[in-house]
Structures are given as structure tokens and as C-alpha cells.
């Protein structure tokens, strides 16, 4: 198993290939649009992750943990 690095922990090789502009004229700002909106989606995923923990904590009566 290769040593753990920042790049392989975050799977940067794959992550950085996920920005695929679709316009035929390759608009300069399209890359920015894609990256901003992918980032929003990642923040939404994090919010859902946090809400699930809060839900579990409330269900267990752990108001301090929530």
C-alpha cells in the first residue's frame, strides 16, 4: 500500500478530472461556474452528514452531543 499523502487521501487525481466544460466555444468562466457549483454540492453533502449526526444524537437523548 502506498504511503498516505495529501493527494491520495483526497483522491485529487480523480477529483481534478471532474470539471468538464460542455460549451462548444469553451467559455472562460464555465470552469469557474462548474467548480463553484461542485463545491456547493460538497457543502450540501457535509450539511446532510451533520444533520444525520444531530438526528442520531437527539434520538439517543444526547442533547450535548447534538
PDB file of N, CA and C in Angstrom:
ATOM      1  N   UNK A   1       0.852  -1.177   0.000  1.00  0.00           N
ATOM      2  CA  UNK A   1       0.000   0.000   0.000  1.00  0.00           C
ATOM      3  C   UNK A   1       0.901   1.244   0.000  1.00  0.00           C
ATOM      4  N   UNK A   2       0.632   2.197  -0.893  1.00  0.00           N
ATOM      5  CA  UNK A   2       1.471   3.403  -0.934  1.00  0.00           C
ATOM      6  C   UNK A   2       1.272   4.247   0.324  1.00  0.00           C
ATOM      7  N   UNK A   3       2.284   5.049   0.665  1.00  0.00           N
ATOM      8  CA  UNK A   3       2.141   5.898   1.854  1.00  0.00           C
ATOM      9  C   UNK A   3       1.002   6.899   1.678  1.00  0.00           C
ATOM     10  N   UNK A   4       0.395   7.239   2.787  1.00  0.00           N
ATOM     11  CA  UNK A   4      -0.716   8.186   2.756  1.00  0.00           C
ATOM     12  C   UNK A   4      -0.180   9.591   2.530  1.00  0.00           C
ATOM     13  N   UNK A   5      -0.682  10.226   1.487  1.00  0.00           N
ATOM     14  CA  UNK A   5      -0.295  11.604   1.192  1.00  0.00           C
ATOM     15  C   UNK A   5      -1.561  12.443   1.079  1.00  0.00           C
ATOM     16  N   UNK A   6      -1.374  13.743   1.081  1.00  0.00           N
ATOM     17  CA  UNK A   6      -2.499  14.670   0.893  1.00  0.00           C
ATOM     18  C   UNK A   6      -3.238  14.343  -0.399  1.00  0.00           C
ATOM     19  N   UNK A   7      -2.501  14.170  -1.469  1.00  0.00           N
ATOM     20  CA  UNK A   7      -3.105  13.942  -2.789  1.00  0.00           C
ATOM     21  C   UNK A   7      -3.883  12.638  -2.852  1.00  0.00           C
ATOM     22  N   UNK A   8      -3.327  11.550  -2.329  1.00  0.00           N
ATOM     23  CA  UNK A   8      -4.078  10.293  -2.439  1.00  0.00           C
ATOM     24  C   UNK A   8      -5.178  10.180  -1.391  1.00  0.00           C
ATOM     25  N   UNK A   9      -5.034  10.841  -0.247  1.00  0.00           N
ATOM     26  CA  UNK A   9      -6.112  10.847   0.746  1.00  0.00           C
ATOM     27  C   UNK A   9      -7.354  11.536   0.186  1.00  0.00           C
ATOM     28  N   UNK A  10      -7.158  12.641  -0.528  1.00  0.00           N
ATOM     29  CA  UNK A  10      -8.278  13.389  -1.115  1.00  0.00           C
ATOM     30  C   UNK A  10      -8.649  12.895  -2.507  1.00  0.00           C
ATOM     31  N   UNK A  11      -7.919  11.911  -3.016  1.00  0.00           N
ATOM     32  CA  UNK A  11      -8.162  11.358  -4.357  1.00  0.00           C
ATOM     33  C   UNK A  11      -8.149  12.475  -5.404  1.00  0.00           C
ATOM     34  N   UNK A  12      -7.115  13.330  -5.308  1.00  0.00           N
ATOM     35  CA  UNK A  12      -7.038  14.504  -6.172  1.00  0.00           C
ATOM     36  C   UNK A  12      -6.948  14.158  -7.650  1.00  0.00           C
ATOM     37  N   UNK A  13      -6.280  13.070  -7.975  1.00  0.00           N
ATOM     38  CA  UNK A  13      -6.166  12.700  -9.387  1.00  0.00           C
ATOM     39  C   UNK A  13      -7.549  12.551 -10.013  1.00  0.00           C
ATOM     40  N   UNK A  14      -8.446  11.898  -9.313  1.00  0.00           N
ATOM     41  CA  UNK A  14      -9.809  11.730  -9.829  1.00  0.00           C
ATOM     42  C   UNK A  14     -10.617  13.018  -9.688  1.00  0.00           C
ATOM     43  N   UNK A  15     -10.513  13.670  -8.537  1.00  0.00           N
ATOM     44  CA  UNK A  15     -11.282  14.887  -8.282  1.00  0.00           C
ATOM     45  C   UNK A  15     -11.037  15.953  -9.345  1.00  0.00           C
ATOM     46  N   UNK A  16      -9.782  16.129  -9.711  1.00  0.00           N
ATOM     47  CA  UNK A  16      -9.436  17.204 -10.642  1.00  0.00           C
ATOM     48  C   UNK A  16      -9.777  16.886 -12.095  1.00  0.00           C
ATOM     49  N   UNK A  17     -10.322  15.702 -12.341  1.00  0.00           N
ATOM     50  CA  UNK A  17     -10.784  15.369 -13.700  1.00  0.00           C
ATOM     51  C   UNK A  17     -12.292  15.531 -13.838  1.00  0.00           C
ATOM     52  N   UNK A  18     -12.967  15.957 -12.777  1.00  0.00           N
ATOM     53  CA  UNK A  18     -14.430  16.031 -12.783  1.00  0.00           C
ATOM     54  C   UNK A  18     -14.981  17.348 -13.316  1.00  0.00           C
ATOM     55  N   UNK A  19     -14.125  18.257 -13.717  1.00  0.00           N
ATOM     56  CA  UNK A  19     -14.572  19.532 -14.275  1.00  0.00           C
ATOM     57  C   UNK A  19     -14.501  19.420 -15.796  1.00  0.00           C
ATOM     58  N   UNK A  20     -15.668  19.262 -16.416  1.00  0.00           N
ATOM     59  CA  UNK A  20     -15.741  19.034 -17.854  1.00  0.00           C
ATOM     60  C   UNK A  20     -16.655  20.054 -18.510  1.00  0.00           C
ATOM     61  N   UNK A  21     -16.089  21.167 -18.967  1.00  0.00           N
ATOM     62  CA  UNK A  21     -16.914  22.178 -19.634  1.00  0.00           C
ATOM     63  C   UNK A  21     -17.675  21.578 -20.816  1.00  0.00           C
ATOM     64  N   UNK A  22     -18.915  22.007 -20.991  1.00  0.00           N
ATOM     65  CA  UNK A  22     -19.785  21.450 -22.029  1.00  0.00           C
ATOM     66  C   UNK A  22     -19.989  22.380 -23.212  1.00  0.00           C
ATOM     67  N   UNK A  23     -19.623  23.641 -23.070  1.00  0.00           N
ATOM     68  CA  UNK A  23     -19.880  24.581 -24.164  1.00  0.00           C
ATOM     69  C   UNK A  23     -18.938  24.296 -25.333  1.00  0.00           C
ATOM     70  N   UNK A  24     -19.441  24.512 -26.518  1.00  0.00           N
ATOM     71  CA  UNK A  24     -18.630  24.243 -27.703  1.00  0.00           C
ATOM     72  C   UNK A  24     -17.541  25.289 -27.895  1.00  0.00           C
ATOM     73  N   UNK A  25     -17.759  26.479 -27.364  1.00  0.00           N
ATOM     74  CA  UNK A  25     -16.779  27.551 -27.550  1.00  0.00           C
ATOM     75  C   UNK A  25     -15.813  27.677 -26.371  1.00  0.00           C
ATOM     76  N   UNK A  26     -15.915  26.773 -25.402  1.00  0.00           N
ATOM     77  CA  UNK A  26     -15.038  26.777 -24.229  1.00  0.00           C
ATOM     78  C   UNK A  26     -14.973  28.154 -23.574  1.00  0.00           C
ATOM     79  N   UNK A  27     -16.115  28.571 -23.084  1.00  0.00           N
ATOM     80  CA  UNK A  27     -16.211  29.854 -22.379  1.00  0.00           C
ATOM     81  C   UNK A  27     -15.268  29.854 -21.177  1.00  0.00           C
ATOM     82  N   UNK A  28     -14.522  30.916 -21.020  1.00  0.00           N
ATOM     83  CA  UNK A  28     -13.536  31.011 -19.945  1.00  0.00           C
ATOM     84  C   UNK A  28     -14.176  30.824 -18.567  1.00  0.00           C
ATOM     85  N   UNK A  29     -15.315  31.456 -18.309  1.00  0.00           N
ATOM     86  CA  UNK A  29     -15.946  31.412 -16.986  1.00  0.00           C
ATOM     87  C   UNK A  29     -16.688  30.112 -16.701  1.00  0.00           C
ATOM     88  N   UNK A  30     -16.801  29.256 -17.680  1.00  0.00           N
ATOM     89  CA  UNK A  30     -17.515  27.998 -17.463  1.00  0.00           C
ATOM     90  C   UNK A  30     -16.809  27.136 -16.416  1.00  0.00           C
ATOM     91  N   UNK A  31     -15.494  27.112 -16.422  1.00  0.00           N
ATOM     92  CA  UNK A  31     -14.753  26.333 -15.433  1.00  0.00           C
ATOM     93  C   UNK A  31     -15.056  26.847 -14.029  1.00  0.00           C
ATOM     94  N   UNK A  32     -15.080  28.156 -13.856  1.00  0.00           N
ATOM     95  CA  UNK A  32     -15.406  28.740 -12.558  1.00  0.00           C
ATOM     96  C   UNK A  32     -16.811  28.332 -12.126  1.00  0.00           C
ATOM     97  N   UNK A  33     -17.762  28.401 -13.038  1.00  0.00           N
ATOM     98  CA  UNK A  33     -19.144  28.006 -12.752  1.00  0.00           C
ATOM     99  C   UNK A  33     -19.198  26.557 -12.260  1.00  0.00           C
ATOM    100  N   UNK A  34     -18.512  25.669 -12.960  1.00  0.00           N
ATOM    101  CA  UNK A  34     -18.525  24.246 -12.596  1.00  0.00           C
ATOM    102  C   UNK A  34     -17.912  24.044 -11.215  1.00  0.00           C
ATOM    103  N   UNK A  35     -16.764  24.637 -10.969  1.00  0.00           N
ATOM    104  CA  UNK A  35     -16.080  24.446  -9.690  1.00  0.00           C
ATOM    105  C   UNK A  35     -16.897  25.011  -8.535  1.00  0.00           C
ATOM    106  N   UNK A  36     -17.471  26.185  -8.706  1.00  0.00           N
ATOM    107  CA  UNK A  36     -18.302  26.770  -7.648  1.00  0.00           C
ATOM    108  C   UNK A  36     -19.485  25.865  -7.332  1.00  0.00           C
ATOM    109  N   UNK A  37     -20.164  25.375  -8.349  1.00  0.00           N
ATOM    110  CA  UNK A  37     -21.357  24.573  -8.102  1.00  0.00           C
ATOM    111  C   UNK A  37     -21.026  23.175  -7.594  1.00  0.00           C
ATOM    112  N   UNK A  38     -19.913  22.606  -8.010  1.00  0.00           N
ATOM    113  CA  UNK A  38     -19.486  21.336  -7.423  1.00  0.00           C
ATOM    114  C   UNK A  38     -19.150  21.538  -5.944  1.00  0.00           C
ATOM    115  N   UNK A  39     -18.531  22.661  -5.628  1.00  0.00           N
ATOM    116  CA  UNK A  39     -18.213  22.972  -4.232  1.00  0.00           C
ATOM    117  C   UNK A  39     -19.485  23.117  -3.399  1.00  0.00           C
ATOM    118  N   UNK A  40     -20.489  23.811  -3.937  1.00  0.00           N
ATOM    119  CA  UNK A  40     -21.778  23.917  -3.234  1.00  0.00           C
ATOM    120  C   UNK A  40     -22.337  22.530  -2.936  1.00  0.00           C
ATOM    121  N   UNK A  41     -22.283  21.645  -3.916  1.00  0.00           N
ATOM    122  CA  UNK A  41     -22.823  20.296  -3.719  1.00  0.00           C
ATOM    123  C   UNK A  41     -22.063  19.554  -2.625  1.00  0.00           C
ATOM    124  N   UNK A  42     -20.756  19.755  -2.550  1.00  0.00           N
ATOM    125  CA  UNK A  42     -19.974  19.132  -1.478  1.00  0.00           C
ATOM    126  C   UNK A  42     -20.355  19.695  -0.114  1.00  0.00           C
ATOM    127  N   UNK A  43     -20.612  21.002  -0.024  1.00  0.00           N
ATOM    128  CA  UNK A  43     -21.066  21.594   1.237  1.00  0.00           C
ATOM    129  C   UNK A  43     -22.444  21.057   1.619  1.00  0.00           C
ATOM    130  N   UNK A  44     -23.329  20.876   0.636  1.00  0.00           N
ATOM    131  CA  UNK A  44     -24.646  20.294   0.928  1.00  0.00           C
ATOM    132  C   UNK A  44     -24.486  18.877   1.471  1.00  0.00           C
ATOM    133  N   UNK A  45     -23.563  18.123   0.894  1.00  0.00           N
ATOM    134  CA  UNK A  45     -23.306  16.765   1.380  1.00  0.00           C
ATOM    135  C   UNK A  45     -22.832  16.806   2.833  1.00  0.00           C
ATOM    136  N   UNK A  46     -21.959  17.757   3.155  1.00  0.00           N
ATOM    137  CA  UNK A  46     -21.478  17.893   4.533  1.00  0.00           C
ATOM    138  C   UNK A  46     -22.611  18.263   5.481  1.00  0.00           C
ATOM    139  N   UNK A  47     -23.493  19.166   5.059  1.00  0.00           N
ATOM    140  CA  UNK A  47     -24.645  19.532   5.892  1.00  0.00           C
ATOM    141  C   UNK A  47     -25.513  18.315   6.193  1.00  0.00           C
ATOM    142  N   UNK A  48     -25.783  17.504   5.181  1.00  0.00           N
ATOM    143  CA  UNK A  48     -26.584  16.294   5.398  1.00  0.00           C
ATOM    144  C   UNK A  48     -25.887  15.353   6.377  1.00  0.00           C
ATOM    145  N   UNK A  49     -24.571  15.237   6.261  1.00  0.00           N
ATOM    146  CA  UNK A  49     -23.786  14.409   7.180  1.00  0.00           C
ATOM    147  C   UNK A  49     -23.947  14.917   8.619  1.00  0.00           C
ATOM    148  N   UNK A  50     -23.871  16.231   8.802  1.00  0.00           N
ATOM    149  CA  UNK A  50     -24.030  16.825  10.133  1.00  0.00           C
ATOM    150  C   UNK A  50     -25.452  16.651  10.660  1.00  0.00           C
ATOM    151  N   UNK A  51     -26.446  16.838   9.796  1.00  0.00           N
ATOM    152  CA  UNK A  51     -27.842  16.672  10.216  1.00  0.00           C
ATOM    153  C   UNK A  51     -28.123  15.236  10.648  1.00  0.00           C
ATOM    154  N   UNK A  52     -27.511  14.258   9.981  1.00  0.00           N
ATOM    155  CA  UNK A  52     -27.689  12.856  10.377  1.00  0.00           C
ATOM    156  C   UNK A  52     -27.143  12.620  11.783  1.00  0.00           C
ATOM    157  N   UNK A  53     -25.997  13.222  12.095  1.00  0.00           N
ATOM    158  CA  UNK A  53     -25.442  13.075  13.450  1.00  0.00           C
ATOM    159  C   UNK A  53     -26.359  13.719  14.477  1.00  0.00           C
ATOM    160  N   UNK A  54     -26.859  14.904  14.177  1.00  0.00           N
ATOM    161  CA  UNK A  54     -27.779  15.582  15.094  1.00  0.00           C
ATOM    162  C   UNK A  54     -29.016  14.723  15.325  1.00  0.00           C
ATOM    163  N   UNK A  55     -29.539  14.150  14.259  1.00  0.00           N
ATOM    164  CA  UNK A  55     -30.721  13.286  14.369  1.00  0.00           C
ATOM    165  C   UNK A  55     -30.432  12.081  15.265  1.00  0.00           C
ATOM    166  N   UNK A  56     -29.265  11.446  15.065  1.00  0.00           N
ATOM    167  CA  UNK A  56     -28.895  10.299  15.906  1.00  0.00           C
ATOM    168  C   UNK A  56     -28.743  10.725  17.365  1.00  0.00           C
ATOM    169  N   UNK A  57     -28.088  11.868  17.580  1.00  0.00           N
ATOM    170  CA  UNK A  57     -27.887  12.342  18.953  1.00  0.00           C
ATOM    171  C   UNK A  57     -29.218  12.658  19.630  1.00  0.00           C
ATOM    172  N   UNK A  58     -30.108  13.350  18.940  1.00  0.00           N
ATOM    173  CA  UNK A  58     -31.428  13.652  19.509  1.00  0.00           C
ATOM    174  C   UNK A  58     -32.192  12.367  19.817  1.00  0.00           C
ATOM    175  N   UNK A  59     -32.134  11.404  18.897  1.00  0.00           N
ATOM    176  CA  UNK A  59     -32.845  10.136  19.098  1.00  0.00           C
ATOM    177  C   UNK A  59     -32.321   9.392  20.317  1.00  0.00           C
ATOM    178  N   UNK A  60     -31.025   9.551  20.590  1.00  0.00           N
ATOM    179  CA  UNK A  60     -30.413   8.886  21.740  1.00  0.00           C
ATOM    180  C   UNK A  60     -30.523   9.731  23.012  1.00  0.00           C
ATOM    181  N   UNK A  61     -31.159  10.896  22.913  1.00  0.00           N
ATOM    182  CA  UNK A  61     -31.292  11.770  24.074  1.00  0.00           C
ATOM    183  C   UNK A  61     -30.009  12.509  24.423  1.00  0.00           C
ATOM    184  N   UNK A  62     -29.061  12.522  23.510  1.00  0.00           N
ATOM    185  CA  UNK A  62     -27.771  13.174  23.746  1.00  0.00           C
ATOM    186  C   UNK A  62     -27.814  14.604  23.221  1.00  0.00           C
ATOM    187  N   UNK A  63     -28.403  15.500  24.000  1.00  0.00           N
ATOM    188  CA  UNK A  63     -28.514  16.887  23.563  1.00  0.00           C
ATOM    189  C   UNK A  63     -27.164  17.594  23.579  1.00  0.00           C
ATOM    190  N   UNK A  64     -26.255  17.164  24.448  1.00  0.00           N
ATOM    191  CA  UNK A  64     -24.923  17.760  24.482  1.00  0.00           C
ATOM    192  C   UNK A  64     -24.160  17.436  23.198  1.00  0.00           C
ATOM    193  N   UNK A  65     -24.252  16.189  22.738  1.00  0.00           N
ATOM    194  CA  UNK A  65     -23.567  15.773  21.507  1.00  0.00           C
ATOM    195  C   UNK A  65     -24.130  16.455  20.280  1.00  0.00           C
ATOM    196  N   UNK A  66     -25.438  16.726  20.324  1.00  0.00           N
ATOM    197  CA  UNK A  66     -26.083  17.374  19.184  1.00  0.00           C
ATOM    198  C   UNK A  66     -25.665  18.813  19.136  1.00  0.00           C
TER     199      UNK A  66
END
